[in-house]
Protein backbone atom coordinates (compact mmCIF):
# COMPACT_ATOMS: atom_id res chain seq x y z
CA UNK A 1 65.13 42.06 57.94
CA UNK A 2 64.51 45.72 58.74
CA UNK A 3 60.87 46.79 58.96
CA UNK A 4 59.49 48.85 56.11
CA UNK A 5 57.08 50.54 58.53
CA UNK A 6 58.72 53.65 59.91
CA UNK A 7 57.57 56.43 62.18
CA UNK A 8 57.38 59.75 60.40
CA UNK A 9 60.54 61.18 62.02
CA UNK A 10 62.56 58.07 61.17
CA UNK A 11 61.26 58.06 57.60
CA UNK A 12 62.21 61.71 57.07
CA UNK A 13 65.74 60.91 58.27
CA UNK A 14 65.90 57.85 55.98
CA UNK A 15 64.78 59.94 52.97
CA UNK A 16 67.44 62.55 53.75
CA UNK A 17 70.09 59.79 53.84
CA UNK A 18 68.90 58.42 50.46
CA UNK A 19 69.04 61.86 48.89
CA UNK A 20 72.51 62.48 50.27
CA UNK A 21 73.89 59.13 49.07
CA UNK A 22 71.90 58.82 45.83
CA UNK A 23 70.89 62.33 44.70
CA UNK A 24 69.67 61.01 41.34
CA UNK A 25 66.99 58.78 42.91
CA UNK A 26 63.37 59.95 42.79
CA UNK A 27 61.08 59.58 45.80
CA UNK A 28 57.49 58.66 44.88
CA UNK A 29 54.66 59.11 47.39
CA UNK A 30 51.18 57.54 47.38
CA UNK A 31 48.74 58.52 50.11
CA UNK A 32 45.34 57.16 51.12
CA UNK A 33 43.40 55.02 53.57
CA UNK A 34 43.99 51.72 51.71
CA UNK A 35 41.48 49.99 53.95
CA UNK A 36 40.93 46.96 51.75
CA UNK A 37 43.72 46.55 49.21
CA UNK A 38 42.41 45.28 45.86
CA UNK A 39 43.78 44.83 42.29
CA UNK A 40 43.10 48.49 41.55
CA UNK A 41 45.50 49.48 44.34
CA UNK A 42 48.17 47.07 43.07
CA UNK A 43 47.90 48.58 39.59
CA UNK A 44 48.18 52.03 41.19
CA UNK A 45 51.34 51.09 43.10
CA UNK A 46 52.99 49.46 40.06
CA UNK A 47 52.48 52.55 37.92
CA UNK A 48 53.62 54.80 40.75
CA UNK A 49 56.80 52.76 41.23
CA UNK A 50 57.61 53.12 37.53
CA UNK A 51 57.70 56.91 37.95
CA UNK A 52 60.65 56.85 40.35
CA UNK A 53 63.04 54.78 42.42
CA UNK A 54 61.70 54.68 45.99
CA UNK A 55 57.96 54.12 46.61
CA UNK A 56 56.60 55.38 49.92
CA UNK A 57 52.97 54.73 50.90
CA UNK A 58 51.50 56.91 53.63
CA UNK A 59 48.21 55.88 55.20
CA UNK A 60 45.69 57.98 57.11
CA UNK A 61 45.61 57.15 60.82
CA UNK A 62 42.41 55.63 62.20
CA UNK A 63 41.21 58.79 63.93
CA UNK A 64 41.10 60.78 60.70
CA UNK A 65 39.36 58.17 58.55
CA UNK A 66 35.87 59.48 57.81
CA UNK A 67 34.57 57.25 55.03
CA UNK A 68 31.43 56.06 56.76
CA UNK A 69 30.18 53.64 59.42
CA UNK A 70 32.62 51.01 60.72
CA UNK A 71 35.54 52.57 58.90
CA UNK A 72 38.34 51.92 58.84
CA UNK A 73 37.55 48.26 58.41
CA UNK A 74 41.15 47.40 59.32
CA UNK A 75 43.19 49.28 61.92
CA UNK A 76 46.11 51.47 60.91
CA UNK A 77 48.57 48.86 62.15
CA UNK A 78 46.96 46.09 60.11
CA UNK A 79 46.81 48.30 57.02
CA UNK A 80 50.45 49.27 57.40
CA UNK A 81 51.52 45.64 57.95
CA UNK A 82 49.76 44.45 54.79
CA UNK A 83 51.16 47.23 52.60
CA UNK A 84 54.69 46.62 53.90
CA UNK A 85 54.42 42.99 52.75
CA UNK A 86 54.14 44.14 49.13
CA UNK A 87 57.52 43.82 47.44
CA UNK A 88 56.89 46.86 45.28
CA UNK A 89 56.49 49.14 48.33
CA UNK A 90 59.73 50.38 49.91
CA UNK A 91 58.42 52.19 53.00
CA UNK A 92 55.10 52.66 54.81
CA UNK A 93 54.27 55.46 57.23
CA UNK A 94 51.14 56.21 59.27
CA UNK A 95 50.23 59.86 58.80
CA UNK A 96 48.47 61.29 61.84
CA UNK A 97 47.02 64.27 59.97
CA UNK A 98 43.64 65.12 58.53
CA UNK A 99 45.09 65.48 54.99
CA UNK A 100 48.17 64.49 52.99
CA UNK A 101 49.52 68.05 52.84
CA UNK A 102 51.59 67.65 55.99
CA UNK A 103 53.33 64.45 54.91
CA UNK A 104 54.03 65.95 51.45
CA UNK A 105 55.64 69.02 53.02
CA UNK A 106 57.83 66.87 55.27
CA UNK A 107 58.94 64.22 52.76
CA UNK A 108 59.17 66.56 49.73
CA UNK A 109 58.64 63.79 47.15
CA UNK A 110 59.75 64.32 43.56
CA UNK A 111 56.51 62.63 42.44
CA UNK A 112 53.12 62.49 44.18
CA UNK A 113 50.71 59.96 42.65
CA UNK A 114 46.90 59.84 42.65
CA UNK A 115 44.35 57.81 40.68
CA UNK A 116 42.86 59.09 37.44
CA UNK A 117 39.54 59.85 39.15
CA UNK A 118 41.28 62.88 40.70
CA UNK A 119 42.72 64.24 37.46
CA UNK A 120 39.85 66.62 36.73
CA UNK A 121 40.24 69.17 39.50
CA UNK A 122 36.90 70.85 38.80
CA UNK A 123 35.09 67.57 39.59
CA UNK A 124 36.80 67.06 42.94
CA UNK A 125 34.12 68.10 45.43
CA UNK A 126 36.54 68.13 48.35
CA UNK A 127 38.91 70.62 46.73
CA UNK A 128 41.76 68.71 48.36
CA UNK A 129 43.48 67.47 45.22
CA UNK A 130 44.14 71.01 43.99
CA UNK A 131 45.55 71.89 47.42
CA UNK A 132 47.76 68.77 47.29
CA UNK A 133 49.01 69.73 43.82
CA UNK A 134 49.97 73.18 45.07
CA UNK A 135 51.83 71.71 48.06
CA UNK A 136 53.69 69.19 45.88
CA UNK A 137 54.79 71.89 43.48
CA UNK A 138 55.82 74.17 46.36
CA UNK A 139 58.38 71.54 47.47
CA UNK A 140 59.68 71.03 43.92
CA UNK A 141 57.70 67.95 42.96
CA UNK A 142 55.07 67.05 40.38
CA UNK A 143 51.73 65.28 40.61
CA UNK A 144 51.02 62.30 38.33
CA UNK A 145 47.90 60.19 37.78
CA UNK A 146 47.70 56.44 37.27
CA UNK A 147 45.29 54.76 34.87
CA UNK A 148 43.78 51.36 34.20
CA UNK A 149 41.87 48.93 36.41
CA UNK A 150 39.95 50.65 39.19
CA UNK A 151 37.85 49.51 42.10
CA UNK A 152 36.74 50.93 45.42
CA UNK A 153 37.42 49.79 48.98
CA UNK A 154 34.30 51.64 50.08
CA UNK A 155 32.17 49.79 47.52
CA UNK A 156 33.61 46.39 48.45
CA UNK A 157 33.26 46.96 52.21
CA UNK A 158 29.77 48.42 51.96
CA UNK A 159 28.59 45.57 49.76
CA UNK A 160 30.01 43.05 52.25
CA UNK A 161 27.47 44.36 54.77
CA UNK A 162 24.73 42.81 52.64
CA UNK A 163 26.28 39.36 52.27
CA UNK A 164 24.30 36.77 54.19
CA UNK A 165 21.64 39.30 55.23
CA UNK A 166 18.51 38.75 53.19
CA UNK A 167 16.62 41.62 54.86
CA UNK A 168 19.25 44.21 53.97
CA UNK A 169 19.76 42.76 50.48
CA UNK A 170 16.03 42.98 49.79
CA UNK A 171 15.91 46.53 51.15
CA UNK A 172 18.81 47.59 48.91
CA UNK A 173 17.16 46.01 45.85
CA UNK A 174 13.88 47.82 46.53
CA UNK A 175 15.71 51.10 47.05
CA UNK A 176 17.58 50.68 43.76
CA UNK A 177 14.34 49.94 41.92
CA UNK A 178 12.76 53.18 43.14
CA UNK A 179 15.63 55.67 43.14
CA UNK A 180 18.77 56.19 41.09
CA UNK A 181 21.98 57.16 42.83
CA UNK A 182 21.84 60.55 41.09
CA UNK A 183 18.33 61.13 42.45
CA UNK A 184 19.43 60.33 46.00
CA UNK A 185 22.49 62.56 45.63
CA UNK A 186 20.31 65.41 44.35
CA UNK A 187 18.29 65.34 47.57
CA UNK A 188 21.53 65.48 49.55
CA UNK A 189 22.61 68.47 47.50
CA UNK A 190 19.36 70.19 48.46
CA UNK A 191 20.40 70.38 52.11
CA UNK A 192 23.46 72.46 51.29
CA UNK A 193 23.39 75.92 52.85
CA UNK A 194 20.18 75.35 54.82
CA UNK A 195 21.88 76.82 57.90
CA UNK A 196 19.40 75.55 60.51
CA UNK A 197 19.06 77.07 63.98
CA UNK A 198 19.65 74.56 66.77
CA UNK A 199 18.63 75.19 70.35
CA UNK A 200 18.57 73.02 73.42
CA UNK A 201 20.85 71.81 76.16
CA UNK A 202 24.52 71.59 75.27
CA UNK A 203 25.79 68.57 77.17
CA UNK A 204 29.38 67.73 77.92
CA UNK A 205 29.81 63.98 77.46
CA UNK A 206 32.72 62.88 79.63
CA UNK A 207 34.34 59.47 79.18
CA UNK A 208 36.73 58.19 81.85
CA UNK A 209 38.65 54.96 81.38
CA UNK A 210 39.04 52.76 84.43
CA UNK A 211 40.56 49.41 85.32
CA UNK A 212 39.09 47.12 88.03
CA UNK A 213 41.38 46.57 90.99
CA UNK A 214 39.16 44.11 92.84
CA UNK A 215 36.84 44.16 95.83
CA UNK A 216 37.40 46.99 98.29
CA UNK A 217 38.74 45.71 101.62
CA UNK A 218 36.18 47.40 103.89
CA UNK A 219 33.01 47.51 101.78
CA UNK A 220 31.20 45.14 99.39
CA UNK A 221 32.04 47.17 96.31
CA UNK A 222 34.43 46.99 93.37
CA UNK A 223 37.38 49.41 93.30
CA UNK A 224 38.74 50.87 90.05
CA UNK A 225 41.87 52.67 88.98
CA UNK A 226 41.02 55.88 87.14
CA UNK A 227 42.56 56.38 83.69
CA UNK A 228 42.32 58.92 80.90
CA UNK A 229 39.35 61.30 80.68
CA UNK A 230 38.05 62.68 77.37
CA UNK A 231 35.43 65.37 76.80
CA UNK A 232 33.06 65.46 73.84
CA UNK A 233 30.47 68.16 73.06
CA UNK A 234 27.09 66.44 73.03
CA UNK A 235 23.41 67.34 73.06
CA UNK A 236 22.53 70.29 70.84
CA UNK A 237 26.24 70.82 70.06
CA UNK A 238 26.43 67.35 68.52
CA UNK A 239 23.31 68.06 66.44
CA UNK A 240 24.80 71.37 65.25
CA UNK A 241 27.98 69.52 64.27
CA UNK A 242 26.09 66.95 62.17
CA UNK A 243 24.04 69.70 60.50
CA UNK A 244 27.11 71.82 59.71
CA UNK A 245 28.98 68.79 58.31
CA UNK A 246 26.22 68.17 55.77
CA UNK A 247 24.71 71.61 55.23
CA UNK A 248 27.97 73.52 55.43
CA UNK A 249 26.78 75.69 58.30
CA UNK A 250 24.48 75.82 61.31
CA UNK A 251 23.64 78.29 64.05
CA UNK A 252 23.85 77.05 67.65
CA UNK A 253 22.21 78.92 70.52
CA UNK A 254 24.13 78.30 73.73
CA UNK A 255 23.10 79.33 77.23
CA UNK A 256 26.06 79.18 79.58
CA UNK A 257 27.03 80.59 82.98
CA UNK A 258 29.49 83.50 82.77
CA UNK A 259 32.03 81.45 84.68
CA UNK A 260 32.04 78.68 82.06
CA UNK A 261 34.68 80.08 79.68
CA UNK A 262 36.27 76.65 79.41
CA UNK A 263 32.91 75.11 78.47
CA UNK A 264 32.38 77.87 75.91
CA UNK A 265 35.65 76.90 74.24
CA UNK A 266 34.54 73.26 74.11
CA UNK A 267 31.06 73.93 72.77
CA UNK A 268 32.00 76.71 70.35
CA UNK A 269 34.73 74.69 68.66
CA UNK A 270 32.80 71.53 67.88
CA UNK A 271 33.44 71.85 64.17
CA UNK A 272 33.78 74.18 61.22
CA UNK A 273 30.67 75.87 59.92
CA UNK A 274 29.01 76.34 63.30
CA UNK A 275 28.08 79.87 64.31
CA UNK A 276 27.56 79.95 68.09
CA UNK A 277 25.26 82.51 69.70
CA UNK A 278 26.22 82.55 73.38
CA UNK A 279 23.76 83.85 75.96
CA UNK A 280 25.07 84.15 79.52
CA UNK A 281 22.85 83.38 82.48
CA UNK A 282 24.10 82.92 86.04
CA UNK A 283 21.34 80.40 86.72
CA UNK A 284 22.44 78.18 83.84
CA UNK A 285 25.02 75.45 84.14
CA UNK A 286 27.30 73.14 82.19
CA UNK A 287 25.51 69.80 82.08
CA UNK A 288 28.01 66.96 82.41
CA UNK A 289 27.21 63.32 81.83
CA UNK A 290 30.22 61.26 82.87
CA UNK A 291 30.56 57.63 81.88
CA UNK A 292 33.15 55.34 83.43
CA UNK A 293 34.37 52.78 80.89
CA UNK A 294 36.08 49.49 81.70
CA UNK A 295 39.25 49.78 79.63
CA UNK A 296 39.55 46.09 78.76
CA UNK A 297 35.96 45.34 77.73
CA UNK A 298 34.59 48.76 76.80
CA UNK A 299 31.63 48.15 79.12
CA UNK A 300 30.05 51.04 81.02
CA UNK A 301 30.63 50.64 84.74
CA UNK A 302 28.40 53.49 85.87
CA UNK A 303 27.27 56.97 84.87
CA UNK A 304 27.00 60.30 86.69
CA UNK A 305 24.71 63.21 85.77
CA UNK A 306 26.20 66.46 87.07
CA UNK A 307 23.55 69.19 86.83
CA UNK A 308 20.91 71.03 88.84
CA UNK A 309 17.66 71.40 86.86
CA UNK A 310 16.34 74.95 86.98
CA UNK A 311 14.83 77.34 84.47
CA UNK A 312 16.66 80.40 83.16
CA UNK A 313 15.95 84.03 83.99
CA UNK A 314 13.09 85.63 82.03
CA UNK A 315 15.46 87.96 80.19
CA UNK A 316 17.35 84.91 78.92
CA UNK A 317 14.21 83.50 77.35
CA UNK A 318 13.61 86.86 75.74
CA UNK A 319 17.09 86.72 74.18
CA UNK A 320 16.47 83.18 72.91
CA UNK A 321 13.15 84.25 71.39
CA UNK A 322 14.79 87.23 69.66
CA UNK A 323 17.50 84.96 68.25
CA UNK A 324 14.97 82.76 66.41
CA UNK A 325 12.32 85.41 65.62
CA UNK A 326 11.58 86.13 61.98
CA UNK A 327 13.80 83.42 60.55
CA UNK A 328 12.68 81.34 57.56
CA UNK A 329 15.29 78.70 58.33
CA UNK A 330 14.39 75.43 60.05
CA UNK A 331 14.50 75.53 63.85
CA UNK A 332 15.73 72.26 65.37
CA UNK A 333 14.62 71.83 68.98
CA UNK A 334 16.66 69.35 71.03
CA UNK A 335 14.78 69.00 74.32
CA UNK A 336 16.65 66.74 76.75
CA UNK A 337 14.33 67.52 79.65
CA UNK A 338 16.89 69.41 81.74
CA UNK A 339 14.91 72.68 82.13
CA UNK A 340 16.01 74.51 78.97
CA UNK A 341 12.47 74.82 77.62
CA UNK A 342 9.71 76.38 79.74
CA UNK A 343 6.08 76.87 78.69
CA UNK A 344 6.77 80.43 77.51
CA UNK A 345 9.57 79.39 75.14
CA UNK A 346 7.61 76.40 73.84
CA UNK A 347 4.61 78.63 73.06
CA UNK A 348 6.87 81.10 71.26
CA UNK A 349 8.45 78.37 69.14
CA UNK A 350 5.10 76.85 68.23
CA UNK A 351 3.92 80.25 66.93
CA UNK A 352 6.88 80.74 64.61
CA UNK A 353 6.26 80.62 60.87
CA UNK A 354 9.45 78.57 60.53
CA UNK A 355 9.76 74.83 59.94
CA UNK A 356 9.95 73.29 63.43
CA UNK A 357 11.65 69.97 64.22
CA UNK A 358 11.29 68.56 67.74
CA UNK A 359 12.89 65.74 69.68
CA UNK A 360 12.03 65.22 73.37
CA UNK A 361 14.51 62.76 74.77
CA UNK A 362 13.76 60.29 77.53
CA UNK A 363 16.77 59.74 79.79
CA UNK A 364 17.65 58.96 83.39
CA UNK A 365 17.64 62.66 84.26
CA UNK A 366 14.02 63.47 83.38
CA UNK A 367 12.36 60.36 84.87
CA UNK A 368 9.89 59.95 82.03
CA UNK A 369 8.32 63.40 82.27
CA UNK A 370 9.81 64.69 79.04
CA UNK A 371 7.40 63.61 76.30
CA UNK A 372 6.51 64.93 72.86
CA UNK A 373 3.04 65.95 74.10
CA UNK A 374 4.71 68.98 75.74
CA UNK A 375 4.52 70.50 72.26
CA UNK A 376 1.37 71.33 70.35
CA UNK A 377 2.95 71.76 66.91
CA UNK A 378 5.96 70.47 65.01
CA UNK A 379 6.54 69.94 61.30
CA UNK A 380 8.89 67.05 62.06
CA UNK A 381 9.16 64.87 65.16
CA UNK A 382 11.67 62.21 66.16
CA UNK A 383 11.18 59.61 68.89
CA UNK A 384 12.60 56.25 69.84
CA UNK A 385 10.48 53.21 70.54
CA UNK A 386 10.69 53.65 74.32
CA UNK A 387 9.59 57.30 74.13
CA UNK A 388 6.61 56.29 72.04
CA UNK A 389 5.69 53.58 74.54
CA UNK A 390 5.81 56.18 77.29
CA UNK A 391 3.59 58.50 75.28
CA UNK A 392 0.91 55.84 74.82
CA UNK A 393 1.61 54.11 78.16
CA UNK A 394 1.86 50.66 76.59
CA UNK A 395 4.59 48.37 75.29
CA UNK A 396 2.30 46.83 72.69
CA UNK A 397 2.49 49.39 69.89
CA UNK A 398 1.40 49.20 66.30
CA UNK A 399 3.61 51.98 64.93
CA UNK A 400 1.75 52.47 61.61
CA UNK A 401 -1.44 52.95 63.61
CA UNK A 402 -0.26 55.21 66.46
CA UNK A 403 2.19 57.50 64.64
CA UNK A 404 -0.51 59.11 62.46
CA UNK A 405 -2.41 59.94 65.68
CA UNK A 406 0.50 61.97 67.06
CA UNK A 407 1.31 63.48 63.67
CA UNK A 408 -2.26 64.62 63.16
CA UNK A 409 -2.41 66.12 66.65
CA UNK A 410 0.86 68.02 66.12
CA UNK A 411 0.21 68.85 62.45
CA UNK A 412 3.45 67.09 61.49
CA UNK A 413 4.48 66.41 57.92
CA UNK A 414 7.15 63.83 58.82
CA UNK A 415 8.10 61.63 61.76
CA UNK A 416 10.92 59.20 62.56
CA UNK A 417 10.84 56.36 65.07
CA UNK A 418 14.26 54.89 65.89
CA UNK A 419 14.38 51.23 66.95
CA UNK A 420 18.03 50.80 67.97
CA UNK A 421 19.87 48.03 66.14
CA UNK A 422 16.62 47.05 64.39
CA UNK A 423 16.68 50.25 62.31
CA UNK A 424 14.11 53.00 61.99
CA UNK A 425 10.74 53.96 60.52
CA UNK A 426 9.94 57.16 58.62
CA UNK A 427 6.35 58.40 58.23
CA UNK A 428 4.73 61.15 56.17
CA UNK A 429 1.38 62.89 56.62
CA UNK A 430 -0.21 60.88 53.79
CA UNK A 431 -0.15 57.71 55.86
CA UNK A 432 2.91 56.26 54.13
CA UNK A 433 5.83 54.81 56.02
CA UNK A 434 9.19 53.26 55.17
CA UNK A 435 11.37 50.86 57.14
CA UNK A 436 15.19 51.09 57.03
CA UNK A 437 17.29 48.35 58.68
CA UNK A 438 20.17 49.19 60.98
CA UNK A 439 23.42 49.53 59.02
CA UNK A 440 25.96 49.47 61.85
CA UNK A 441 28.52 46.71 61.38
CA UNK A 442 29.94 47.32 64.85
CA UNK A 443 28.44 49.13 67.83
CA UNK A 444 30.89 50.72 70.25
CA UNK A 445 28.90 53.59 71.74
CA UNK A 446 25.17 54.24 71.27
CA UNK A 447 25.28 57.74 72.77
CA UNK A 448 24.46 60.33 70.10
CA UNK A 449 22.97 57.99 67.50
CA UNK A 450 19.47 59.39 67.98
CA UNK A 451 20.84 62.93 67.78
CA UNK A 452 22.53 62.16 64.45
CA UNK A 453 19.27 60.73 63.07
CA UNK A 454 17.31 63.74 64.30
CA UNK A 455 19.77 66.21 62.76
CA UNK A 456 19.95 64.81 59.24
CA UNK A 457 16.29 63.73 59.07
CA UNK A 458 15.19 67.24 60.09
CA UNK A 459 17.05 68.82 57.19
CA UNK A 460 15.83 66.28 54.65
CA UNK A 461 12.25 66.63 55.92
CA UNK A 462 12.58 70.41 55.53
CA UNK A 463 13.34 69.78 51.85
CA UNK A 464 10.44 67.29 51.51
CA UNK A 465 12.73 64.43 50.58
CA UNK A 466 11.10 61.01 50.02
CA UNK A 467 10.74 59.02 53.23
CA UNK A 468 12.91 56.18 51.85
CA UNK A 469 15.81 58.59 51.30
CA UNK A 470 15.35 60.15 54.74
CA UNK A 471 15.57 56.65 56.22
CA UNK A 472 18.65 55.70 54.20
CA UNK A 473 20.67 58.79 55.11
CA UNK A 474 19.56 58.81 58.74
CA UNK A 475 20.52 55.16 59.18
CA UNK A 476 23.97 55.77 57.68
CA UNK A 477 24.59 58.71 60.03
CA UNK A 478 23.44 56.67 63.03
CA UNK A 479 25.78 53.83 62.07
CA UNK A 480 28.64 56.33 61.80
CA UNK A 481 27.88 57.69 65.28
CA UNK A 482 27.81 54.29 67.05
CA UNK A 483 31.04 53.07 65.42
CA UNK A 484 33.37 54.95 67.80
CA UNK A 485 33.55 55.94 71.46
CA UNK A 486 32.38 59.49 71.98
CA UNK A 487 31.53 61.74 69.09
CA UNK A 488 33.84 61.23 66.15
CA UNK A 489 33.65 63.89 63.45
CA UNK A 490 30.38 63.63 61.54
CA UNK A 491 30.22 62.51 57.94
CA UNK A 492 30.59 65.37 55.50
CA UNK A 493 28.46 65.58 52.37
CA UNK A 494 31.21 64.30 50.05
CA UNK A 495 31.97 61.19 52.12
CA UNK A 496 28.27 60.51 52.64
CA UNK A 497 27.69 60.54 48.89
CA UNK A 498 30.65 58.21 48.38
CA UNK A 499 29.28 55.82 50.97
CA UNK A 500 25.85 55.76 49.29
CA UNK A 501 27.40 55.16 45.88
CA UNK A 502 29.43 52.29 47.34
CA UNK A 503 26.36 50.79 49.00
CA UNK A 504 24.01 51.07 46.02
CA UNK A 505 26.45 50.95 43.10
């Protein structure tokens, strides 16, 4: 039996053959992720099939699925295999595009079918359905909408996270009792168009696959075969990307050497909505953190920091100060301890009338010298448990007792403490705190999780959101960040709201 799963080129050829041999037949196209097929999908396919003669289902490839942490739940191959087993489906194709517009243009279906929830174009926050309608009509087709039984893969998958986990189930119940979904969504809407200013080291995160060959013949070390290398913009660029995905825009101050045109391309194109302000300084450098990954296990073999810590020229600091002067937007300070911030710049930032958010990261490159006490003022601070232990020089910490001490000293209104897989704590200046459990279903790469928390929590704190909502959204964004190797595209506001509705609905 011939496979129903075809590559796009083969499917286009097959459709052309059908049209040539049977010109009266109508091609019907359904497109989606179809991560967890449920009765609502089956109803959708049955109605779609009744509108024509050949039913094609195109599915979004894994790399373009952006529905929340641990998504897709099933890989593109597994999703395609399941859909092809349905008798009602004639062909399945994996679409390696960010939207369905490309596959519509190539297949030119007579009928394109969506669920009834997309029928009111003015309520579609993504704006994609109207674009899809225009593309369908441009190739001579029509768009139709199915009705009847509905469900949601996102809701089913998100709710499965809670099964067998009493802590998370209790947390969800308490959250529901205090806040409606509409109330949570309204706080998310408040971060639209904030346009924060982000400054700090832009780090190039480099991932190189490798395969062990065995012990070297002349030395007691393990030899590896080098594989593919991928570059991801990290550090302040990652934070700017998260902010722009949710707020719609952000301003990123970059300090780069004049010779780093390639790096400028990488950092300036991290995502839509980011406005880069590039300051050139011959004493600056592109900070590279290269991680060698065992291809079979995903384990880190070793890591290299490629940088030479040194402060910028005085005129560079003057340009940075002028870039943030007089702004009433929040200023998000990502201090990775690699000599971006000197005492002059810190003093200038502390004296701004703007909302200031600060994160001082502890990493292998700053040897424990980069602590939050470098700063005298911040409206919002973010630390992990290890950074807090370093600050108080003890591993025995009572967080509800020690956080108010730092917050009072720095005149902070909000603070977040991240605890890895255990979740996070959010504090306000009234002595209240809220615990949010970790929501990651799978952890592939922890790099960037703290940055994602810092980015979204800063914007919500700027809008004085309740600490429980700050914790919820921050934990979701962290789970999204750890679910893939490197920095996958951040959750946009629409998908974040869908995820929350699926989790709490």
